[in-house]
Protein backbone atom coordinates (compact mmCIF):
# COMPACT_ATOMS: atom_id res chain seq x y z
CA UNK A 1 0.00 0.00 0.00
CA UNK A 2 1.35 3.44 -0.84
CA UNK A 3 0.38 7.03 -0.28
CA UNK A 4 1.47 10.38 -1.69
CA UNK A 5 1.80 13.24 0.76
CA UNK A 6 2.15 16.80 -0.45
CA UNK A 7 3.15 19.14 2.34
CA UNK A 8 1.83 22.71 2.19
CA UNK A 9 4.72 25.13 2.70
CA UNK A 10 3.67 27.01 5.82
CA UNK A 11 6.48 28.03 8.14
CA UNK A 12 5.55 28.45 11.78
CA UNK A 13 8.08 28.12 14.54
CA UNK A 14 10.49 29.78 16.89
CA UNK A 15 13.63 31.59 15.75
CA UNK A 16 15.96 28.64 16.56
CA UNK A 17 13.88 26.32 14.33
CA UNK A 18 13.91 28.89 11.51
CA UNK A 19 17.66 29.39 12.00
CA UNK A 20 18.31 25.66 11.52
CA UNK A 21 16.29 25.61 8.28
CA UNK A 22 17.99 28.74 6.94
CA UNK A 23 21.46 27.46 7.82
CA UNK A 24 20.94 24.11 6.06
CA UNK A 25 19.30 25.68 2.99
CA UNK A 26 21.87 28.40 2.36
CA UNK A 27 24.79 26.01 2.86
CA UNK A 28 23.40 23.80 0.08
CA UNK A 29 23.50 26.82 -2.25
CA UNK A 30 27.12 27.75 -1.45
CA UNK A 31 26.46 30.70 0.85
CA UNK A 32 28.59 31.22 3.96
CA UNK A 33 27.55 32.71 7.27
CA UNK A 34 28.94 36.14 8.17
CA UNK A 35 28.68 38.25 11.27
CA UNK A 36 25.43 40.10 11.71
CA UNK A 37 25.01 43.27 9.68
CA UNK A 38 23.62 46.13 11.70
CA UNK A 39 20.75 48.28 10.50
CA UNK A 40 23.27 51.11 9.99
CA UNK A 41 25.40 48.96 7.65
CA UNK A 42 22.33 47.91 5.64
CA UNK A 43 21.14 51.53 5.45
CA UNK A 44 24.60 52.61 4.26
CA UNK A 45 24.56 49.96 1.52
CA UNK A 46 21.29 51.39 0.23
CA UNK A 47 22.85 54.84 -0.06
CA UNK A 48 26.09 53.67 -1.71
CA UNK A 49 24.44 52.34 -4.84
CA UNK A 50 24.03 48.68 -3.93
CA UNK A 51 20.90 47.12 -5.34
CA UNK A 52 18.59 45.81 -2.64
CA UNK A 53 15.44 43.72 -2.77
CA UNK A 54 13.25 42.60 0.15
CA UNK A 55 11.11 39.47 -0.09
CA UNK A 56 8.53 38.50 2.54
CA UNK A 57 7.43 34.91 3.03
CA UNK A 58 3.67 35.37 3.41
CA UNK A 59 3.08 31.84 4.70
CA UNK A 60 5.31 32.23 7.73
CA UNK A 61 4.89 33.12 11.35
CA UNK A 62 7.86 33.27 13.66
CA UNK A 63 6.43 32.83 17.10
CA UNK A 64 6.64 35.52 19.75
CA UNK A 65 9.58 35.24 22.05
CA UNK A 66 11.94 35.74 19.16
CA UNK A 67 13.46 39.18 19.22
CA UNK A 68 12.41 41.19 16.16
CA UNK A 69 15.97 42.26 15.35
CA UNK A 70 17.45 38.74 15.25
CA UNK A 71 18.90 38.03 11.84
CA UNK A 72 21.07 35.65 9.86
CA UNK A 73 23.51 37.14 7.35
CA UNK A 74 25.01 35.04 4.54
CA UNK A 75 27.16 35.92 1.51
CA UNK A 76 28.22 34.44 -1.80
CA UNK A 77 30.12 36.13 -4.65
CA UNK A 78 29.48 39.67 -3.39
CA UNK A 79 25.77 39.04 -2.78
CA UNK A 80 24.50 39.35 0.77
CA UNK A 81 21.26 37.87 2.08
CA UNK A 82 19.87 39.00 5.44
CA UNK A 83 17.14 36.79 6.91
CA UNK A 84 15.07 38.39 9.65
CA UNK A 85 11.66 38.61 11.26
CA UNK A 86 9.56 41.61 10.25
CA UNK A 87 7.18 43.54 12.50
CA UNK A 88 4.29 41.19 11.59
CA UNK A 89 6.31 38.13 12.61
CA UNK A 90 6.95 36.95 9.06
CA UNK A 91 10.24 35.69 7.72
CA UNK A 92 11.84 38.03 5.20
CA UNK A 93 15.06 38.14 3.26
CA UNK A 94 16.84 41.29 2.11
CA UNK A 95 19.12 40.68 -0.87
CA UNK A 96 22.00 43.12 -1.53
CA UNK A 97 24.61 43.28 -4.28
CA UNK A 98 26.57 45.86 -6.33
CA UNK A 99 26.99 44.18 -9.69
CA UNK A 100 23.67 42.34 -9.79
CA UNK A 101 20.35 43.59 -11.13
CA UNK A 102 17.32 43.84 -8.89
CA UNK A 103 15.60 41.16 -11.00
CA UNK A 104 18.52 38.77 -10.46
CA UNK A 105 18.54 39.55 -6.73
CA UNK A 106 14.78 38.90 -6.54
CA UNK A 107 15.17 35.58 -8.38
CA UNK A 108 18.03 34.45 -6.11
CA UNK A 109 16.14 35.62 -3.02
CA UNK A 110 13.06 33.66 -4.06
CA UNK A 111 15.21 30.58 -4.62
CA UNK A 112 16.67 31.01 -1.11
CA UNK A 113 13.19 31.35 0.39
CA UNK A 114 12.03 28.26 -1.53
CA UNK A 115 14.97 26.23 -0.23
CA UNK A 116 14.40 27.41 3.34
CA UNK A 117 10.73 26.45 3.06
CA UNK A 118 11.61 23.02 1.66
CA UNK A 119 14.18 22.41 4.40
CA UNK A 120 11.73 23.49 7.10
CA UNK A 121 8.95 21.23 5.78
CA UNK A 122 11.36 18.31 5.34
CA UNK A 123 12.53 18.62 8.96
CA UNK A 124 8.94 18.84 10.23
CA UNK A 125 7.86 15.75 8.23
CA UNK A 126 10.84 13.68 9.41
CA UNK A 127 10.25 14.75 13.02
CA UNK A 128 6.56 13.82 12.80
CA UNK A 129 7.40 10.45 11.27
CA UNK A 130 9.80 9.68 14.12
CA UNK A 131 7.27 10.85 16.71
CA UNK A 132 4.72 8.45 15.22
CA UNK A 133 7.22 5.57 15.33
CA UNK A 134 7.47 5.28 11.53
CA UNK A 135 10.77 4.31 9.94
CA UNK A 136 12.19 5.90 6.81
CA UNK A 137 12.95 3.17 4.28
CA UNK A 138 14.29 5.32 1.44
CA UNK A 139 14.82 8.97 0.52
CA UNK A 140 15.38 10.43 -2.93
CA UNK A 141 15.91 13.96 -4.23
CA UNK A 142 15.09 14.25 -7.92
CA UNK A 143 16.70 16.63 -10.42
CA UNK A 144 13.87 19.12 -9.93
CA UNK A 145 14.60 19.02 -6.13
CA UNK A 146 11.45 17.05 -5.32
CA UNK A 147 12.00 15.03 -2.15
CA UNK A 148 10.54 11.53 -2.04
CA UNK A 149 10.45 9.70 1.28
CA UNK A 150 9.37 6.07 1.63
CA UNK A 151 8.27 5.10 5.12
CA UNK A 152 7.14 1.98 6.93
CA UNK A 153 4.67 1.95 9.76
CA UNK A 154 6.04 -0.40 12.40
């Protein structure tokens, strides 16, 4: 007997859970963690000609208790991505880069958000499977980054 499960990408959790998903997702795309960029540094980059794009993840809710100014800063090839929680509690990413168009920044930022969402959902599904005493028999990631997990109910 088999079943197909399609998980709806809704992110809801505390900042440490979001941090784990962001860290795993950005590492898979070749980004490296950097020290936190202050609001002053980000404001200065907007005035020095760097292109910036902000993308909100509408289907997210970072639970209260997380400080609003917590952020994760990653870089790759002169492009900086700053993940943070906005005033509404949603996850957002601010993409910055000098030699990259806003359209390219938006596309890369959306890809980052998609990977973070996929990593978050994957971790939640695996955790739920373990909590329900199900064993993972096989996992596969296809070329289009679809994740297939075969489980056995024991």
